[in-house]
Amino acid sequence: MNRSGAIVGRSLRAAMLRTATLALIVLAILGALGAVLLSPFALSRLPAGERVDWGTLSDVGQTYGAASAVLSVLALGGVAVSLHMQRRESKAAREQSIRGLHTELLRMALDDETFLECWGSIGDPVDVAWYRQHIYLNLIVSHWQMMWEIGALTEAHLRLTAAGLFGGPLGRRYWG
């Protein structure tokens, strides 16, 4: 498996773990809610011939008030977690959109040399090949940054790939 396949695999495993955790939380909440909702039926199954202690049943009813408060707090917590996750995903979507636009602008400059000048001077204006390589190196470094921010790139892997890129003459010239 190549490096990008391993990175995608780790990212996929992390997404599956988050999904499984969320599913377990939802199942636990639904189980607790089901137990609260089904307990009146259990009380109705008390034997009819026996004497029913209404004081005890009243205490049970008051316990439902406490259980209701606990479930309300859990529901409110679930809403808060959901809003937090939605905010994070919205931010990630905005960043991805900005990176996509950046990539498209750079791709246009690579496809049409008249747009290269729009990005400003990076040294010798006649060296179009270097200009194109510089833009391509910029895309590589931006890709690393995005992968680092989403947690799909470990420090060890980044150090290894960066050493390979910046160990060569093009990487050192780009960094300069």
C-alpha atoms as a PDB file:
ATOM      1  CA  MET A   1       0.000   0.000   0.000  1.00  0.00           C
ATOM      2  CA  ASN A   2       1.366   3.425  -0.882  1.00  0.00           C
ATOM      3  CA  ARG A   3       1.579   6.348   1.527  1.00  0.00           C
ATOM      4  CA  SER A   4      -1.595   8.073   0.373  1.00  0.00           C
ATOM      5  CA  GLY A   5      -3.483   4.773   0.723  1.00  0.00           C
ATOM      6  CA  ALA A   6      -2.248   4.416   4.307  1.00  0.00           C
ATOM      7  CA  ILE A   7      -3.288   7.978   5.101  1.00  0.00           C
ATOM      8  CA  VAL A   8      -6.733   7.455   3.605  1.00  0.00           C
ATOM      9  CA  GLY A   9      -7.012   4.197   5.557  1.00  0.00           C
ATOM     10  CA  ARG A  10      -6.220   5.951   8.858  1.00  0.00           C
ATOM     11  CA  SER A  11      -8.692   8.716   8.063  1.00  0.00           C
ATOM     12  CA  LEU A  12     -11.370   6.167   7.182  1.00  0.00           C
ATOM     13  CA  ARG A  13     -10.746   4.224  10.401  1.00  0.00           C
ATOM     14  CA  ALA A  14     -11.026   7.433  12.444  1.00  0.00           C
ATOM     15  CA  ALA A  15     -14.321   8.302  10.749  1.00  0.00           C
ATOM     16  CA  MET A  16     -15.648   4.785  11.389  1.00  0.00           C
ATOM     17  CA  LEU A  17     -14.633   5.020  15.062  1.00  0.00           C
ATOM     18  CA  ARG A  18     -16.434   8.358  15.436  1.00  0.00           C
ATOM     19  CA  THR A  19     -19.537   6.903  13.774  1.00  0.00           C
ATOM     20  CA  ALA A  20     -19.495   3.813  16.011  1.00  0.00           C
ATOM     21  CA  THR A  21     -19.083   5.966  19.135  1.00  0.00           C
ATOM     22  CA  LEU A  22     -21.975   8.179  18.117  1.00  0.00           C
ATOM     23  CA  ALA A  23     -24.132   5.108  17.391  1.00  0.00           C
ATOM     24  CA  LEU A  24     -23.364   3.661  20.844  1.00  0.00           C
ATOM     25  CA  ILE A  25     -24.271   6.942  22.540  1.00  0.00           C
ATOM     26  CA  VAL A  26     -27.556   7.125  20.644  1.00  0.00           C
ATOM     27  CA  LEU A  27     -28.340   3.490  21.531  1.00  0.00           C
ATOM     28  CA  ALA A  28     -27.609   4.128  25.229  1.00  0.00           C
ATOM     29  CA  ILE A  29     -29.880   7.176  25.289  1.00  0.00           C
ATOM     30  CA  LEU A  30     -32.640   5.294  23.464  1.00  0.00           C
ATOM     31  CA  GLY A  31     -32.268   2.374  25.903  1.00  0.00           C
ATOM     32  CA  ALA A  32     -32.601   4.660  28.916  1.00  0.00           C
ATOM     33  CA  LEU A  33     -35.579   6.397  27.364  1.00  0.00           C
ATOM     34  CA  GLY A  34     -37.193   3.022  26.594  1.00  0.00           C
ATOM     35  CA  ALA A  35     -36.714   1.844  30.176  1.00  0.00           C
ATOM     36  CA  VAL A  36     -38.381   4.989  31.511  1.00  0.00           C
ATOM     37  CA  LEU A  37     -41.265   4.727  29.065  1.00  0.00           C
ATOM     38  CA  LEU A  38     -41.881   1.017  29.682  1.00  0.00           C
ATOM     39  CA  SER A  39     -41.795   1.122  33.488  1.00  0.00           C
ATOM     40  CA  PRO A  40     -45.490   2.173  33.828  1.00  0.00           C
ATOM     41  CA  PHE A  41     -46.430  -1.047  32.047  1.00  0.00           C
ATOM     42  CA  ALA A  42     -44.347  -2.966  34.555  1.00  0.00           C
ATOM     43  CA  LEU A  43     -46.236  -1.268  37.384  1.00  0.00           C
ATOM     44  CA  SER A  44     -49.569  -2.180  35.819  1.00  0.00           C
ATOM     45  CA  ARG A  45     -48.523  -5.830  35.966  1.00  0.00           C
ATOM     46  CA  LEU A  46     -48.634  -5.798  39.767  1.00  0.00           C
ATOM     47  CA  PRO A  47     -50.889  -8.598  41.019  1.00  0.00           C
ATOM     48  CA  ALA A  48     -54.494  -7.414  41.362  1.00  0.00           C
ATOM     49  CA  GLY A  49     -55.230  -9.454  44.474  1.00  0.00           C
ATOM     50  CA  GLU A  50     -52.427  -7.987  46.526  1.00  0.00           C
ATOM     51  CA  ARG A  51     -52.704  -4.773  48.387  1.00  0.00           C
ATOM     52  CA  VAL A  52     -51.029  -1.906  46.499  1.00  0.00           C
ATOM     53  CA  ASP A  53     -49.013   0.569  48.539  1.00  0.00           C
ATOM     54  CA  TRP A  54     -49.973   3.870  46.917  1.00  0.00           C
ATOM     55  CA  GLY A  55     -47.380   5.744  48.914  1.00  0.00           C
ATOM     56  CA  THR A  56     -44.673   3.645  47.281  1.00  0.00           C
ATOM     57  CA  LEU A  57     -46.230   4.179  43.868  1.00  0.00           C
ATOM     58  CA  SER A  58     -46.319   7.928  44.596  1.00  0.00           C
ATOM     59  CA  ASP A  59     -42.587   7.800  45.367  1.00  0.00           C
ATOM     60  CA  VAL A  60     -42.066   6.007  42.066  1.00  0.00           C
ATOM     61  CA  GLY A  61     -43.979   8.803  40.328  1.00  0.00           C
ATOM     62  CA  GLN A  62     -41.741  11.398  41.921  1.00  0.00           C
ATOM     63  CA  THR A  63     -38.748   9.403  40.764  1.00  0.00           C
ATOM     64  CA  TYR A  64     -40.040   9.847  37.212  1.00  0.00           C
ATOM     65  CA  GLY A  65     -39.661  13.587  37.720  1.00  0.00           C
ATOM     66  CA  ALA A  66     -35.991  13.089  38.563  1.00  0.00           C
ATOM     67  CA  ALA A  67     -35.541  10.711  35.617  1.00  0.00           C
ATOM     68  CA  SER A  68     -37.218  13.262  33.376  1.00  0.00           C
ATOM     69  CA  ALA A  69     -34.796  15.935  34.548  1.00  0.00           C
ATOM     70  CA  VAL A  70     -31.844  13.635  33.891  1.00  0.00           C
ATOM     71  CA  LEU A  71     -33.128  12.841  30.394  1.00  0.00           C
ATOM     72  CA  SER A  72     -33.649  16.549  29.734  1.00  0.00           C
ATOM     73  CA  VAL A  73     -30.063  17.268  30.744  1.00  0.00           C
ATOM     74  CA  LEU A  74     -28.839  14.448  28.487  1.00  0.00           C
ATOM     75  CA  ALA A  75     -30.910  15.799  25.604  1.00  0.00           C
ATOM     76  CA  LEU A  76     -29.567  19.304  26.157  1.00  0.00           C
ATOM     77  CA  GLY A  77     -26.035  17.894  26.267  1.00  0.00           C
ATOM     78  CA  GLY A  78     -26.701  16.048  23.011  1.00  0.00           C
ATOM     79  CA  VAL A  79     -27.871  19.269  21.370  1.00  0.00           C
ATOM     80  CA  ALA A  80     -24.760  21.085  22.621  1.00  0.00           C
ATOM     81  CA  VAL A  81     -22.458  18.358  21.294  1.00  0.00           C
ATOM     82  CA  SER A  82     -24.318  18.355  17.989  1.00  0.00           C
ATOM     83  CA  LEU A  83     -23.975  22.136  17.637  1.00  0.00           C
ATOM     84  CA  HIS A  84     -20.258  21.932  18.446  1.00  0.00           C
ATOM     85  CA  MET A  85     -19.700  19.217  15.848  1.00  0.00           C
ATOM     86  CA  GLN A  86     -21.731  21.144  13.282  1.00  0.00           C
ATOM     87  CA  ARG A  87     -19.642  24.266  13.911  1.00  0.00           C
ATOM     88  CA  ARG A  88     -16.421  22.297  13.451  1.00  0.00           C
ATOM     89  CA  GLU A  89     -17.657  20.684  10.245  1.00  0.00           C
ATOM     90  CA  SER A  90     -18.839  24.036   8.909  1.00  0.00           C
ATOM     91  CA  LYS A  91     -15.404  25.535   9.561  1.00  0.00           C
ATOM     92  CA  ALA A  92     -13.732  22.583   7.841  1.00  0.00           C
ATOM     93  CA  ALA A  93     -16.052  22.963   4.834  1.00  0.00           C
ATOM     94  CA  ARG A  94     -15.215  26.682   4.564  1.00  0.00           C
ATOM     95  CA  GLU A  95     -11.486  25.934   4.758  1.00  0.00           C
ATOM     96  CA  GLN A  96     -11.835  23.213   2.120  1.00  0.00           C
ATOM     97  CA  SER A  97     -13.690  25.635  -0.138  1.00  0.00           C
ATOM     98  CA  ILE A  98     -10.953  28.251   0.246  1.00  0.00           C
ATOM     99  CA  ARG A  99      -8.251  25.660  -0.438  1.00  0.00           C
ATOM    100  CA  GLY A 100     -10.162  24.467  -3.500  1.00  0.00           C
ATOM    101  CA  LEU A 101     -10.331  28.007  -4.849  1.00  0.00           C
ATOM    102  CA  HIS A 102      -6.600  28.492  -4.160  1.00  0.00           C
ATOM    103  CA  THR A 103      -5.816  25.270  -5.985  1.00  0.00           C
ATOM    104  CA  GLU A 104      -8.003  26.246  -8.934  1.00  0.00           C
ATOM    105  CA  LEU A 105      -6.327  29.646  -9.210  1.00  0.00           C
ATOM    106  CA  LEU A 106      -2.899  28.016  -9.162  1.00  0.00           C
ATOM    107  CA  ARG A 107      -4.030  25.427 -11.699  1.00  0.00           C
ATOM    108  CA  MET A 108      -5.177  28.223 -14.016  1.00  0.00           C
ATOM    109  CA  ALA A 109      -1.765  29.865 -13.684  1.00  0.00           C
ATOM    110  CA  LEU A 110      -0.068  26.562 -14.514  1.00  0.00           C
ATOM    111  CA  ASP A 111      -2.266  26.075 -17.567  1.00  0.00           C
ATOM    112  CA  ASP A 112      -1.910  29.620 -18.937  1.00  0.00           C
ATOM    113  CA  GLU A 113       1.448  31.349 -18.511  1.00  0.00           C
ATOM    114  CA  THR A 114      -0.108  34.809 -18.830  1.00  0.00           C
ATOM    115  CA  PHE A 115      -1.629  34.293 -15.372  1.00  0.00           C
ATOM    116  CA  LEU A 116       1.738  33.493 -13.792  1.00  0.00           C
ATOM    117  CA  GLU A 117       2.622  37.187 -13.602  1.00  0.00           C
ATOM    118  CA  CYS A 118      -0.529  37.842 -11.560  1.00  0.00           C
ATOM    119  CA  TRP A 119       0.979  35.960  -8.601  1.00  0.00           C
ATOM    120  CA  GLY A 120       3.896  38.381  -8.389  1.00  0.00           C
ATOM    121  CA  SER A 121       7.588  37.938  -8.890  1.00  0.00           C
ATOM    122  CA  ILE A 122       9.450  35.004  -7.362  1.00  0.00           C
ATOM    123  CA  GLY A 123      12.831  35.843  -8.807  1.00  0.00           C
ATOM    124  CA  ASP A 124      13.920  35.656 -12.422  1.00  0.00           C
ATOM    125  CA  PRO A 125      10.818  36.611 -14.474  1.00  0.00           C
ATOM    126  CA  VAL A 126      12.075  34.771 -17.563  1.00  0.00           C
ATOM    127  CA  ASP A 127      12.371  31.395 -15.832  1.00  0.00           C
ATOM    128  CA  VAL A 128       8.833  30.174 -16.536  1.00  0.00           C
ATOM    129  CA  ALA A 129       9.758  26.569 -15.707  1.00  0.00           C
ATOM    130  CA  TRP A 130      10.860  27.602 -12.207  1.00  0.00           C
ATOM    131  CA  TYR A 131       7.706  29.664 -11.788  1.00  0.00           C
ATOM    132  CA  ARG A 132       5.569  26.634 -12.619  1.00  0.00           C
ATOM    133  CA  GLN A 133       7.627  24.417 -10.285  1.00  0.00           C
ATOM    134  CA  HIS A 134       7.282  26.998  -7.509  1.00  0.00           C
ATOM    135  CA  ILE A 135       3.490  26.959  -7.859  1.00  0.00           C
ATOM    136  CA  TYR A 136       3.451  23.164  -7.871  1.00  0.00           C
ATOM    137  CA  LEU A 137       5.606  23.075  -4.713  1.00  0.00           C
ATOM    138  CA  ASN A 138       3.181  25.544  -3.135  1.00  0.00           C
ATOM    139  CA  LEU A 139       0.344  23.091  -3.859  1.00  0.00           C
ATOM    140  CA  ILE A 140       2.314  20.259  -2.239  1.00  0.00           C
ATOM    141  CA  VAL A 141       3.018  22.263   0.929  1.00  0.00           C
ATOM    142  CA  SER A 142      -0.630  23.432   1.092  1.00  0.00           C
ATOM    143  CA  HIS A 143      -1.719  19.803   0.796  1.00  0.00           C
ATOM    144  CA  TRP A 144       0.541  18.836   3.695  1.00  0.00           C
ATOM    145  CA  GLN A 145      -0.890  21.673   5.784  1.00  0.00           C
ATOM    146  CA  MET A 146      -4.462  20.553   5.124  1.00  0.00           C
ATOM    147  CA  MET A 147      -3.632  16.929   5.953  1.00  0.00           C
ATOM    148  CA  TRP A 148      -1.835  18.028   9.154  1.00  0.00           C
ATOM    149  CA  GLU A 149      -4.814  20.120  10.264  1.00  0.00           C
ATOM    150  CA  ILE A 150      -7.304  17.285   9.835  1.00  0.00           C
ATOM    151  CA  GLY A 151      -5.008  14.819  11.573  1.00  0.00           C
ATOM    152  CA  ALA A 152      -4.355  12.656   8.516  1.00  0.00           C
ATOM    153  CA  LEU A 153      -0.600  13.320   8.575  1.00  0.00           C
ATOM    154  CA  THR A 154       1.627  12.352  11.470  1.00  0.00           C
ATOM    155  CA  GLU A 155       4.678  14.351  12.478  1.00  0.00           C
ATOM    156  CA  ALA A 156       6.982  11.465  11.534  1.00  0.00           C
ATOM    157  CA  HIS A 157       5.438  11.186   8.063  1.00  0.00           C
ATOM    158  CA  LEU A 158       5.577  14.957   7.561  1.00  0.00           C
ATOM    159  CA  ARG A 159       9.246  15.036   8.603  1.00  0.00           C
ATOM    160  CA  LEU A 160      10.047  12.210   6.190  1.00  0.00           C
ATOM    161  CA  THR A 161       8.279  13.752   3.191  1.00  0.00           C
ATOM    162  CA  ALA A 162       9.517  17.272   3.958  1.00  0.00           C
ATOM    163  CA  ALA A 163      13.111  16.023   4.231  1.00  0.00           C
ATOM    164  CA  GLY A 164      12.740  14.457   0.798  1.00  0.00           C
ATOM    165  CA  LEU A 165      11.310  17.606  -0.759  1.00  0.00           C
ATOM    166  CA  PHE A 166      13.503  20.204   0.932  1.00  0.00           C
ATOM    167  CA  GLY A 167      16.613  18.034   0.647  1.00  0.00           C
ATOM    168  CA  GLY A 168      16.639  18.646  -3.106  1.00  0.00           C
ATOM    169  CA  PRO A 169      17.598  21.812  -4.972  1.00  0.00           C
ATOM    170  CA  LEU A 170      14.034  22.724  -5.985  1.00  0.00           C
ATOM    171  CA  GLY A 171      12.756  22.439  -2.418  1.00  0.00           C
ATOM    172  CA  ARG A 172      15.592  24.558  -1.052  1.00  0.00           C
ATOM    173  CA  ARG A 173      15.030  27.168  -3.754  1.00  0.00           C
ATOM    174  CA  TYR A 174      11.286  27.193  -2.987  1.00  0.00           C
ATOM    175  CA  TRP A 175      11.897  27.618   0.742  1.00  0.00           C
ATOM    176  CA  GLY A 176      14.308  30.483   0.044  1.00  0.00           C
END
